[in-house]
């Protein structure tokens, strides 16, 4: 139960998106990042 909660907290609905938008430094602006094989991982 604890690990199910941890997974839900880190990865909402236990799913990985295909594209994530990141604007953290040192990124110059909002950049698109692509996850490898998201469907298989989900």
ModelCIF file with pLDDT and N, C-alpha, C, O atoms, coordinates in Angstrom:
data_MODEL
#
_entry.id   MODEL 
#
_entity.id                         1 
_entity.type                       polymer 
_entity.pdbx_number_of_molecules   1 
#
_entity_poly.entity_id                      1 
_entity_poly.type                           'polypeptide(L)' 
_entity_poly.nstd_linkage                   no 
_entity_poly.nstd_monomer                   no 
_entity_poly.pdbx_seq_one_letter_code       
;(UNK)(UNK)(UNK)(UNK)(UNK)(UNK)(UNK)(UNK)(UNK)(UNK)(UNK)(UNK)(UNK)(UNK)(UNK)(UNK)
(UNK)(UNK)(UNK)(UNK)(UNK)(UNK)(UNK)(UNK)(UNK)(UNK)(UNK)(UNK)(UNK)(UNK)(UNK)(UNK)
(UNK)(UNK)(UNK)(UNK)(UNK)(UNK)(UNK)(UNK)(UNK)(UNK)
;
_entity_poly.pdbx_seq_one_letter_code_can   XXXXXXXXXXXXXXXXXXXXXXXXXXXXXXXXXXXXXXXXXX 
_entity_poly.pdbx_strand_id                 A 
#
loop_
_entity_poly_seq.entity_id 
_entity_poly_seq.num 
_entity_poly_seq.mon_id 
_entity_poly_seq.hetero 
1 1  UNK n 
1 2  UNK n 
1 3  UNK n 
1 4  UNK n 
1 5  UNK n 
1 6  UNK n 
1 7  UNK n 
1 8  UNK n 
1 9  UNK n 
1 10 UNK n 
1 11 UNK n 
1 12 UNK n 
1 13 UNK n 
1 14 UNK n 
1 15 UNK n 
1 16 UNK n 
1 17 UNK n 
1 18 UNK n 
1 19 UNK n 
1 20 UNK n 
1 21 UNK n 
1 22 UNK n 
1 23 UNK n 
1 24 UNK n 
1 25 UNK n 
1 26 UNK n 
1 27 UNK n 
1 28 UNK n 
1 29 UNK n 
1 30 UNK n 
1 31 UNK n 
1 32 UNK n 
1 33 UNK n 
1 34 UNK n 
1 35 UNK n 
1 36 UNK n 
1 37 UNK n 
1 38 UNK n 
1 39 UNK n 
1 40 UNK n 
1 41 UNK n 
1 42 UNK n 
#
_struct_asym.id          A 
_struct_asym.entity_id   1 
#
loop_
_ma_qa_metric.id 
_ma_qa_metric.mode 
_ma_qa_metric.name 
_ma_qa_metric.software_group_id 
_ma_qa_metric.type 
1 global pLDDT . pLDDT 
2 local  pLDDT . pLDDT 
#
_ma_qa_metric_global.metric_id      1 
_ma_qa_metric_global.metric_value   86.40 
_ma_qa_metric_global.model_id       1 
_ma_qa_metric_global.ordinal_id     1 
#
loop_
_ma_qa_metric_local.label_asym_id 
_ma_qa_metric_local.label_comp_id 
_ma_qa_metric_local.label_seq_id 
_ma_qa_metric_local.metric_id 
_ma_qa_metric_local.metric_value 
_ma_qa_metric_local.model_id 
_ma_qa_metric_local.ordinal_id 
A UNK 1  2 95.00 1 1  
A UNK 2  2 94.00 1 2  
A UNK 3  2 92.00 1 3  
A UNK 4  2 92.00 1 4  
A UNK 5  2 92.00 1 5  
A UNK 6  2 90.00 1 6  
A UNK 7  2 89.00 1 7  
A UNK 8  2 89.00 1 8  
A UNK 9  2 87.00 1 9  
A UNK 10 2 85.00 1 10 
A UNK 11 2 84.00 1 11 
A UNK 12 2 80.00 1 12 
A UNK 13 2 81.00 1 13 
A UNK 14 2 84.00 1 14 
A UNK 15 2 84.00 1 15 
A UNK 16 2 84.00 1 16 
A UNK 17 2 86.00 1 17 
A UNK 18 2 85.00 1 18 
A UNK 19 2 87.00 1 19 
A UNK 20 2 86.00 1 20 
A UNK 21 2 88.00 1 21 
A UNK 22 2 86.00 1 22 
A UNK 23 2 85.00 1 23 
A UNK 24 2 85.00 1 24 
A UNK 25 2 85.00 1 25 
A UNK 26 2 85.00 1 26 
A UNK 27 2 83.00 1 27 
A UNK 28 2 84.00 1 28 
A UNK 29 2 86.00 1 29 
A UNK 30 2 87.00 1 30 
A UNK 31 2 89.00 1 31 
A UNK 32 2 88.00 1 32 
A UNK 33 2 87.00 1 33 
A UNK 34 2 87.00 1 34 
A UNK 35 2 85.00 1 35 
A UNK 36 2 82.00 1 36 
A UNK 37 2 83.00 1 37 
A UNK 38 2 84.00 1 38 
A UNK 39 2 86.00 1 39 
A UNK 40 2 85.00 1 40 
A UNK 41 2 85.00 1 41 
A UNK 42 2 88.00 1 42 
#
loop_
_atom_site.group_PDB 
_atom_site.id 
_atom_site.type_symbol 
_atom_site.label_atom_id 
_atom_site.label_alt_id 
_atom_site.label_comp_id 
_atom_site.label_asym_id 
_atom_site.label_entity_id 
_atom_site.label_seq_id 
_atom_site.pdbx_PDB_ins_code 
_atom_site.Cartn_x 
_atom_site.Cartn_y 
_atom_site.Cartn_z 
_atom_site.occupancy 
_atom_site.B_iso_or_equiv 
_atom_site.pdbx_formal_charge 
_atom_site.auth_seq_id 
_atom_site.auth_comp_id 
_atom_site.auth_asym_id 
_atom_site.auth_atom_id 
_atom_site.pdbx_PDB_model_num 
ATOM 1   N N  . UNK A 1 1  ? 0.837  -1.208 0.000   1.00 95.00 ? 1  UNK A N  1 
ATOM 2   C CA . UNK A 1 1  ? 0.000  0.000  0.000   1.00 95.00 ? 1  UNK A CA 1 
ATOM 3   C C  . UNK A 1 1  ? 0.868  1.252  0.000   1.00 95.00 ? 1  UNK A C  1 
ATOM 4   O O  . UNK A 1 1  ? 0.585  2.202  -0.730  1.00 95.00 ? 1  UNK A O  1 
ATOM 5   N N  . UNK A 1 2  ? 1.922  1.262  0.812   1.00 94.00 ? 2  UNK A N  1 
ATOM 6   C CA . UNK A 1 2  ? 2.813  2.421  0.869   1.00 94.00 ? 2  UNK A CA 1 
ATOM 7   C C  . UNK A 1 2  ? 3.480  2.664  -0.486  1.00 94.00 ? 2  UNK A C  1 
ATOM 8   O O  . UNK A 1 2  ? 3.571  3.806  -0.938  1.00 94.00 ? 2  UNK A O  1 
ATOM 9   N N  . UNK A 1 3  ? 3.941  1.605  -1.128  1.00 92.00 ? 3  UNK A N  1 
ATOM 10  C CA . UNK A 1 3  ? 4.604  1.780  -2.417  1.00 92.00 ? 3  UNK A CA 1 
ATOM 11  C C  . UNK A 1 3  ? 3.613  2.165  -3.512  1.00 92.00 ? 3  UNK A C  1 
ATOM 12  O O  . UNK A 1 3  ? 3.970  2.896  -4.436  1.00 92.00 ? 3  UNK A O  1 
ATOM 13  N N  . UNK A 1 4  ? 2.379  1.684  -3.422  1.00 92.00 ? 4  UNK A N  1 
ATOM 14  C CA . UNK A 1 4  ? 1.365  2.132  -4.370  1.00 92.00 ? 4  UNK A CA 1 
ATOM 15  C C  . UNK A 1 4  ? 1.118  3.626  -4.227  1.00 92.00 ? 4  UNK A C  1 
ATOM 16  O O  . UNK A 1 4  ? 0.926  4.326  -5.221  1.00 92.00 ? 4  UNK A O  1 
ATOM 17  N N  . UNK A 1 5  ? 1.124  4.113  -2.995  1.00 92.00 ? 5  UNK A N  1 
ATOM 18  C CA . UNK A 1 5  ? 0.965  5.556  -2.775  1.00 92.00 ? 5  UNK A CA 1 
ATOM 19  C C  . UNK A 1 5  ? 2.178  6.324  -3.303  1.00 92.00 ? 5  UNK A C  1 
ATOM 20  O O  . UNK A 1 5  ? 2.030  7.386  -3.908  1.00 92.00 ? 5  UNK A O  1 
ATOM 21  N N  . UNK A 1 6  ? 3.376  5.784  -3.071  1.00 90.00 ? 6  UNK A N  1 
ATOM 22  C CA . UNK A 1 6  ? 4.590  6.458  -3.554  1.00 90.00 ? 6  UNK A CA 1 
ATOM 23  C C  . UNK A 1 6  ? 4.574  6.563  -5.079  1.00 90.00 ? 6  UNK A C  1 
ATOM 24  O O  . UNK A 1 6  ? 4.882  7.614  -5.641  1.00 90.00 ? 6  UNK A O  1 
ATOM 25  N N  . UNK A 1 7  ? 4.216  5.479  -5.731  1.00 89.00 ? 7  UNK A N  1 
ATOM 26  C CA . UNK A 1 7  ? 4.135  5.520  -7.194  1.00 89.00 ? 7  UNK A CA 1 
ATOM 27  C C  . UNK A 1 7  ? 3.088  6.528  -7.654  1.00 89.00 ? 7  UNK A C  1 
ATOM 28  O O  . UNK A 1 7  ? 3.313  7.267  -8.612  1.00 89.00 ? 7  UNK A O  1 
ATOM 29  N N  . UNK A 1 8  ? 1.951  6.557  -6.977  1.00 89.00 ? 8  UNK A N  1 
ATOM 30  C CA . UNK A 1 8  ? 0.898  7.500  -7.374  1.00 89.00 ? 8  UNK A CA 1 
ATOM 31  C C  . UNK A 1 8  ? 1.342  8.939  -7.148  1.00 89.00 ? 8  UNK A C  1 
ATOM 32  O O  . UNK A 1 8  ? 0.991  9.829  -7.923  1.00 89.00 ? 8  UNK A O  1 
ATOM 33  N N  . UNK A 1 9  ? 2.122  9.170  -6.078  1.00 87.00 ? 9  UNK A N  1 
ATOM 34  C CA . UNK A 1 9  ? 2.606  10.511 -5.772  1.00 87.00 ? 9  UNK A CA 1 
ATOM 35  C C  . UNK A 1 9  ? 3.628  10.992 -6.813  1.00 87.00 ? 9  UNK A C  1 
ATOM 36  O O  . UNK A 1 9  ? 3.598  12.148 -7.235  1.00 87.00 ? 9  UNK A O  1 
ATOM 37  N N  . UNK A 1 10 ? 4.521  10.101 -7.215  1.00 85.00 ? 10 UNK A N  1 
ATOM 38  C CA . UNK A 1 10 ? 5.545  10.478 -8.186  1.00 85.00 ? 10 UNK A CA 1 
ATOM 39  C C  . UNK A 1 10 ? 5.009  10.501 -9.614  1.00 85.00 ? 10 UNK A C  1 
ATOM 40  O O  . UNK A 1 10 ? 5.353  11.386 -10.398 1.00 85.00 ? 10 UNK A O  1 
ATOM 41  N N  . UNK A 1 11 ? 4.168  9.526  -9.947  1.00 84.00 ? 11 UNK A N  1 
ATOM 42  C CA . UNK A 1 11 ? 3.655  9.389  -11.313 1.00 84.00 ? 11 UNK A CA 1 
ATOM 43  C C  . UNK A 1 11 ? 2.130  9.324  -11.248 1.00 84.00 ? 11 UNK A C  1 
ATOM 44  O O  . UNK A 1 11 ? 1.546  8.262  -11.034 1.00 84.00 ? 11 UNK A O  1 
ATOM 45  N N  . UNK A 1 12 ? 1.506  10.478 -11.436 1.00 80.00 ? 12 UNK A N  1 
ATOM 46  C CA . UNK A 1 12 ? 0.061  10.611 -11.272 1.00 80.00 ? 12 UNK A CA 1 
ATOM 47  C C  . UNK A 1 12 ? -0.689 9.604  -12.140 1.00 80.00 ? 12 UNK A C  1 
ATOM 48  O O  . UNK A 1 12 ? -0.411 9.453  -13.329 1.00 80.00 ? 12 UNK A O  1 
ATOM 49  N N  . UNK A 1 13 ? -1.653 8.917  -11.510 1.00 81.00 ? 13 UNK A N  1 
ATOM 50  C CA . UNK A 1 13 ? -2.455 7.881  -12.174 1.00 81.00 ? 13 UNK A CA 1 
ATOM 51  C C  . UNK A 1 13 ? -1.608 6.724  -12.703 1.00 81.00 ? 13 UNK A C  1 
ATOM 52  O O  . UNK A 1 13 ? -2.066 5.947  -13.541 1.00 81.00 ? 13 UNK A O  1 
ATOM 53  N N  . UNK A 1 14 ? -0.373 6.613  -12.212 1.00 84.00 ? 14 UNK A N  1 
ATOM 54  C CA . UNK A 1 14 ? 0.544  5.522  -12.587 1.00 84.00 ? 14 UNK A CA 1 
ATOM 55  C C  . UNK A 1 14 ? 0.864  5.517  -14.091 1.00 84.00 ? 14 UNK A C  1 
ATOM 56  O O  . UNK A 1 14 ? 1.232  4.475  -14.634 1.00 84.00 ? 14 UNK A O  1 
ATOM 57  N N  . UNK A 1 15 ? 0.733  6.635  -14.750 1.00 84.00 ? 15 UNK A N  1 
ATOM 58  C CA . UNK A 1 15 ? 0.980  6.689  -16.197 1.00 84.00 ? 15 UNK A CA 1 
ATOM 59  C C  . UNK A 1 15 ? 2.081  7.690  -16.513 1.00 84.00 ? 15 UNK A C  1 
ATOM 60  O O  . UNK A 1 15 ? 2.318  8.639  -15.766 1.00 84.00 ? 15 UNK A O  1 
ATOM 61  N N  . UNK A 1 16 ? 2.742  7.457  -17.633 1.00 84.00 ? 16 UNK A N  1 
ATOM 62  C CA . UNK A 1 16 ? 3.776  8.359  -18.129 1.00 84.00 ? 16 UNK A CA 1 
ATOM 63  C C  . UNK A 1 16 ? 3.269  9.061  -19.388 1.00 84.00 ? 16 UNK A C  1 
ATOM 64  O O  . UNK A 1 16 ? 2.747  8.400  -20.286 1.00 84.00 ? 16 UNK A O  1 
ATOM 65  N N  . UNK A 1 17 ? 3.409  10.379 -19.472 1.00 86.00 ? 17 UNK A N  1 
ATOM 66  C CA . UNK A 1 17 ? 3.003  11.076 -20.686 1.00 86.00 ? 17 UNK A CA 1 
ATOM 67  C C  . UNK A 1 17 ? 4.022  10.863 -21.798 1.00 86.00 ? 17 UNK A C  1 
ATOM 68  O O  . UNK A 1 17 ? 5.172  10.502 -21.546 1.00 86.00 ? 17 UNK A O  1 
ATOM 69  N N  . UNK A 1 18 ? 3.585  11.090 -23.021 1.00 85.00 ? 18 UNK A N  1 
ATOM 70  C CA . UNK A 1 18 ? 4.514  10.968 -24.153 1.00 85.00 ? 18 UNK A CA 1 
ATOM 71  C C  . UNK A 1 18 ? 5.476  12.143 -24.208 1.00 85.00 ? 18 UNK A C  1 
ATOM 72  O O  . UNK A 1 18 ? 6.646  11.983 -24.556 1.00 85.00 ? 18 UNK A O  1 
ATOM 73  N N  . UNK A 1 19 ? 4.976  13.332 -23.860 1.00 87.00 ? 19 UNK A N  1 
ATOM 74  C CA . UNK A 1 19 ? 5.785  14.553 -23.916 1.00 87.00 ? 19 UNK A CA 1 
ATOM 75  C C  . UNK A 1 19 ? 5.615  15.302 -22.603 1.00 87.00 ? 19 UNK A C  1 
ATOM 76  O O  . UNK A 1 19 ? 4.498  15.432 -22.102 1.00 87.00 ? 19 UNK A O  1 
ATOM 77  N N  . UNK A 1 20 ? 6.719  15.797 -22.040 1.00 86.00 ? 20 UNK A N  1 
ATOM 78  C CA . UNK A 1 20 ? 6.673  16.645 -20.848 1.00 86.00 ? 20 UNK A CA 1 
ATOM 79  C C  . UNK A 1 20 ? 7.316  17.979 -21.187 1.00 86.00 ? 20 UNK A C  1 
ATOM 80  O O  . UNK A 1 20 ? 8.273  18.042 -21.958 1.00 86.00 ? 20 UNK A O  1 
ATOM 81  N N  . UNK A 1 21 ? 6.786  19.037 -20.608 1.00 88.00 ? 21 UNK A N  1 
ATOM 82  C CA . UNK A 1 21 ? 7.319  20.387 -20.845 1.00 88.00 ? 21 UNK A CA 1 
ATOM 83  C C  . UNK A 1 21 ? 8.132  20.803 -19.638 1.00 88.00 ? 21 UNK A C  1 
ATOM 84  O O  . UNK A 1 21 ? 7.672  20.727 -18.499 1.00 88.00 ? 21 UNK A O  1 
ATOM 85  N N  . UNK A 1 22 ? 9.342  21.240 -19.905 1.00 86.00 ? 22 UNK A N  1 
ATOM 86  C CA . UNK A 1 22 ? 10.285 21.558 -18.835 1.00 86.00 ? 22 UNK A CA 1 
ATOM 87  C C  . UNK A 1 22 ? 10.805 22.982 -19.031 1.00 86.00 ? 22 UNK A C  1 
ATOM 88  O O  . UNK A 1 22 ? 11.178 23.365 -20.139 1.00 86.00 ? 22 UNK A O  1 
ATOM 89  N N  . UNK A 1 23 ? 10.828 23.765 -17.946 1.00 85.00 ? 23 UNK A N  1 
ATOM 90  C CA . UNK A 1 23 ? 11.352 25.131 -17.993 1.00 85.00 ? 23 UNK A CA 1 
ATOM 91  C C  . UNK A 1 23 ? 12.308 25.398 -16.834 1.00 85.00 ? 23 UNK A C  1 
ATOM 92  O O  . UNK A 1 23 ? 12.466 26.537 -16.394 1.00 85.00 ? 23 UNK A O  1 
ATOM 93  N N  . UNK A 1 24 ? 12.941 24.337 -16.349 1.00 85.00 ? 24 UNK A N  1 
ATOM 94  C CA . UNK A 1 24 ? 13.874 24.481 -15.245 1.00 85.00 ? 24 UNK A CA 1 
ATOM 95  C C  . UNK A 1 24 ? 15.220 24.978 -15.760 1.00 85.00 ? 24 UNK A C  1 
ATOM 96  O O  . UNK A 1 24 ? 15.638 24.597 -16.853 1.00 85.00 ? 24 UNK A O  1 
ATOM 97  N N  . UNK A 1 25 ? 15.903 25.822 -14.991 1.00 85.00 ? 25 UNK A N  1 
ATOM 98  C CA . UNK A 1 25 ? 17.264 26.207 -15.398 1.00 85.00 ? 25 UNK A CA 1 
ATOM 99  C C  . UNK A 1 25 ? 18.180 24.988 -15.355 1.00 85.00 ? 25 UNK A C  1 
ATOM 100 O O  . UNK A 1 25 ? 18.026 24.153 -14.464 1.00 85.00 ? 25 UNK A O  1 
ATOM 101 N N  . UNK A 1 26 ? 19.117 24.855 -16.276 1.00 85.00 ? 26 UNK A N  1 
ATOM 102 C CA . UNK A 1 26 ? 19.619 25.849 -17.241 1.00 85.00 ? 26 UNK A CA 1 
ATOM 103 C C  . UNK A 1 26 ? 18.916 25.832 -18.602 1.00 85.00 ? 26 UNK A C  1 
ATOM 104 O O  . UNK A 1 26 ? 19.486 26.326 -19.575 1.00 85.00 ? 26 UNK A O  1 
ATOM 105 N N  . UNK A 1 27 ? 17.694 25.282 -18.708 1.00 83.00 ? 27 UNK A N  1 
ATOM 106 C CA . UNK A 1 27 ? 16.998 25.287 -19.992 1.00 83.00 ? 27 UNK A CA 1 
ATOM 107 C C  . UNK A 1 27 ? 16.724 26.734 -20.403 1.00 83.00 ? 27 UNK A C  1 
ATOM 108 O O  . UNK A 1 27 ? 16.289 27.526 -19.567 1.00 83.00 ? 27 UNK A O  1 
ATOM 109 N N  . UNK A 1 28 ? 16.964 27.104 -21.663 1.00 84.00 ? 28 UNK A N  1 
ATOM 110 C CA . UNK A 1 28 ? 16.814 28.503 -22.098 1.00 84.00 ? 28 UNK A CA 1 
ATOM 111 C C  . UNK A 1 28 ? 15.365 28.972 -22.093 1.00 84.00 ? 28 UNK A C  1 
ATOM 112 O O  . UNK A 1 28 ? 15.108 30.164 -21.921 1.00 84.00 ? 28 UNK A O  1 
ATOM 113 N N  . UNK A 1 29 ? 14.420 28.068 -22.275 1.00 86.00 ? 29 UNK A N  1 
ATOM 114 C CA . UNK A 1 29 ? 13.003 28.411 -22.296 1.00 86.00 ? 29 UNK A CA 1 
ATOM 115 C C  . UNK A 1 29 ? 12.208 27.122 -22.039 1.00 86.00 ? 29 UNK A C  1 
ATOM 116 O O  . UNK A 1 29 ? 12.787 26.117 -21.625 1.00 86.00 ? 29 UNK A O  1 
ATOM 117 N N  . UNK A 1 30 ? 10.902 27.140 -22.277 1.00 87.00 ? 30 UNK A N  1 
ATOM 118 C CA . UNK A 1 30 ? 10.096 25.937 -22.138 1.00 87.00 ? 30 UNK A CA 1 
ATOM 119 C C  . UNK A 1 30 ? 10.449 24.973 -23.266 1.00 87.00 ? 30 UNK A C  1 
ATOM 120 O O  . UNK A 1 30 ? 10.278 25.289 -24.443 1.00 87.00 ? 30 UNK A O  1 
ATOM 121 N N  . UNK A 1 31 ? 10.939 23.806 -22.898 1.00 89.00 ? 31 UNK A N  1 
ATOM 122 C CA . UNK A 1 31 ? 11.367 22.824 -23.901 1.00 89.00 ? 31 UNK A CA 1 
ATOM 123 C C  . UNK A 1 31 ? 10.492 21.582 -23.793 1.00 89.00 ? 31 UNK A C  1 
ATOM 124 O O  . UNK A 1 31 ? 9.976  21.261 -22.722 1.00 89.00 ? 31 UNK A O  1 
ATOM 125 N N  . UNK A 1 32 ? 10.334 20.896 -24.905 1.00 88.00 ? 32 UNK A N  1 
ATOM 126 C CA . UNK A 1 32 ? 9.598  19.633 -24.938 1.00 88.00 ? 32 UNK A CA 1 
ATOM 127 C C  . UNK A 1 32 ? 10.583 18.478 -24.791 1.00 88.00 ? 32 UNK A C  1 
ATOM 128 O O  . UNK A 1 32 ? 11.592 18.412 -25.492 1.00 88.00 ? 32 UNK A O  1 
ATOM 129 N N  . UNK A 1 33 ? 10.274 17.574 -23.872 1.00 87.00 ? 33 UNK A N  1 
ATOM 130 C CA . UNK A 1 33 ? 11.110 16.391 -23.673 1.00 87.00 ? 33 UNK A CA 1 
ATOM 131 C C  . UNK A 1 33 ? 10.263 15.150 -23.939 1.00 87.00 ? 33 UNK A C  1 
ATOM 132 O O  . UNK A 1 33 ? 9.093  15.082 -23.561 1.00 87.00 ? 33 UNK A O  1 
ATOM 133 N N  . UNK A 1 34 ? 10.874 14.186 -24.588 1.00 87.00 ? 34 UNK A N  1 
ATOM 134 C CA . UNK A 1 34 ? 10.149 13.005 -25.050 1.00 87.00 ? 34 UNK A CA 1 
ATOM 135 C C  . UNK A 1 34 ? 10.652 11.774 -24.301 1.00 87.00 ? 34 UNK A C  1 
ATOM 136 O O  . UNK A 1 34 ? 11.855 11.531 -24.214 1.00 87.00 ? 34 UNK A O  1 
ATOM 137 N N  . UNK A 1 35 ? 9.708  11.003 -23.762 1.00 85.00 ? 35 UNK A N  1 
ATOM 138 C CA . UNK A 1 35 ? 10.027 9.815  -22.990 1.00 85.00 ? 35 UNK A CA 1 
ATOM 139 C C  . UNK A 1 35 ? 10.128 8.610  -23.918 1.00 85.00 ? 35 UNK A C  1 
ATOM 140 O O  . UNK A 1 35 ? 9.352  8.469  -24.862 1.00 85.00 ? 35 UNK A O  1 
ATOM 141 N N  . UNK A 1 36 ? 11.089 7.752  -23.634 1.00 82.00 ? 36 UNK A N  1 
ATOM 142 C CA . UNK A 1 36 ? 11.279 6.552  -24.449 1.00 82.00 ? 36 UNK A CA 1 
ATOM 143 C C  . UNK A 1 36 ? 10.227 5.502  -24.142 1.00 82.00 ? 36 UNK A C  1 
ATOM 144 O O  . UNK A 1 36 ? 10.017 5.171  -22.975 1.00 82.00 ? 36 UNK A O  1 
ATOM 145 N N  . UNK A 1 37 ? 9.566  4.975  -25.148 1.00 83.00 ? 37 UNK A N  1 
ATOM 146 C CA . UNK A 1 37 ? 8.592  3.882  -25.068 1.00 83.00 ? 37 UNK A CA 1 
ATOM 147 C C  . UNK A 1 37 ? 7.572  4.069  -23.939 1.00 83.00 ? 37 UNK A C  1 
ATOM 148 O O  . UNK A 1 37 ? 7.456  3.195  -23.079 1.00 83.00 ? 37 UNK A O  1 
ATOM 149 N N  . UNK A 1 38 ? 6.837  5.175  -23.917 1.00 84.00 ? 38 UNK A N  1 
ATOM 150 C CA . UNK A 1 38 ? 5.885  5.406  -22.815 1.00 84.00 ? 38 UNK A CA 1 
ATOM 151 C C  . UNK A 1 38 ? 4.751  4.392  -22.772 1.00 84.00 ? 38 UNK A C  1 
ATOM 152 O O  . UNK A 1 38 ? 4.325  4.007  -21.683 1.00 84.00 ? 38 UNK A O  1 
ATOM 153 N N  . UNK A 1 39 ? 4.246  3.945  -23.929 1.00 86.00 ? 39 UNK A N  1 
ATOM 154 C CA . UNK A 1 39 ? 3.130  2.995  -23.938 1.00 86.00 ? 39 UNK A CA 1 
ATOM 155 C C  . UNK A 1 39 ? 3.529  1.673  -23.305 1.00 86.00 ? 39 UNK A C  1 
ATOM 156 O O  . UNK A 1 39 ? 2.792  1.126  -22.485 1.00 86.00 ? 39 UNK A O  1 
ATOM 157 N N  . UNK A 1 40 ? 4.695  1.157  -23.682 1.00 85.00 ? 40 UNK A N  1 
ATOM 158 C CA . UNK A 1 40 ? 5.173  -0.110 -23.118 1.00 85.00 ? 40 UNK A CA 1 
ATOM 159 C C  . UNK A 1 40 ? 5.408  0.017  -21.615 1.00 85.00 ? 40 UNK A C  1 
ATOM 160 O O  . UNK A 1 40 ? 5.097  -0.900 -20.855 1.00 85.00 ? 40 UNK A O  1 
ATOM 161 N N  . UNK A 1 41 ? 5.958  1.151  -21.191 1.00 85.00 ? 41 UNK A N  1 
ATOM 162 C CA . UNK A 1 41 ? 6.201  1.354  -19.766 1.00 85.00 ? 41 UNK A CA 1 
ATOM 163 C C  . UNK A 1 41 ? 4.899  1.469  -18.993 1.00 85.00 ? 41 UNK A C  1 
ATOM 164 O O  . UNK A 1 41 ? 4.798  0.985  -17.865 1.00 85.00 ? 41 UNK A O  1 
ATOM 165 N N  . UNK A 1 42 ? 3.904  2.107  -19.592 1.00 88.00 ? 42 UNK A N  1 
ATOM 166 C CA . UNK A 1 42 ? 2.612  2.221  -18.916 1.00 88.00 ? 42 UNK A CA 1 
ATOM 167 C C  . UNK A 1 42 ? 1.947  0.852  -18.750 1.00 88.00 ? 42 UNK A C  1 
ATOM 168 O O  . UNK A 1 42 ? 0.850  0.761  -18.200 1.00 88.00 ? 42 UNK A O  1 
#
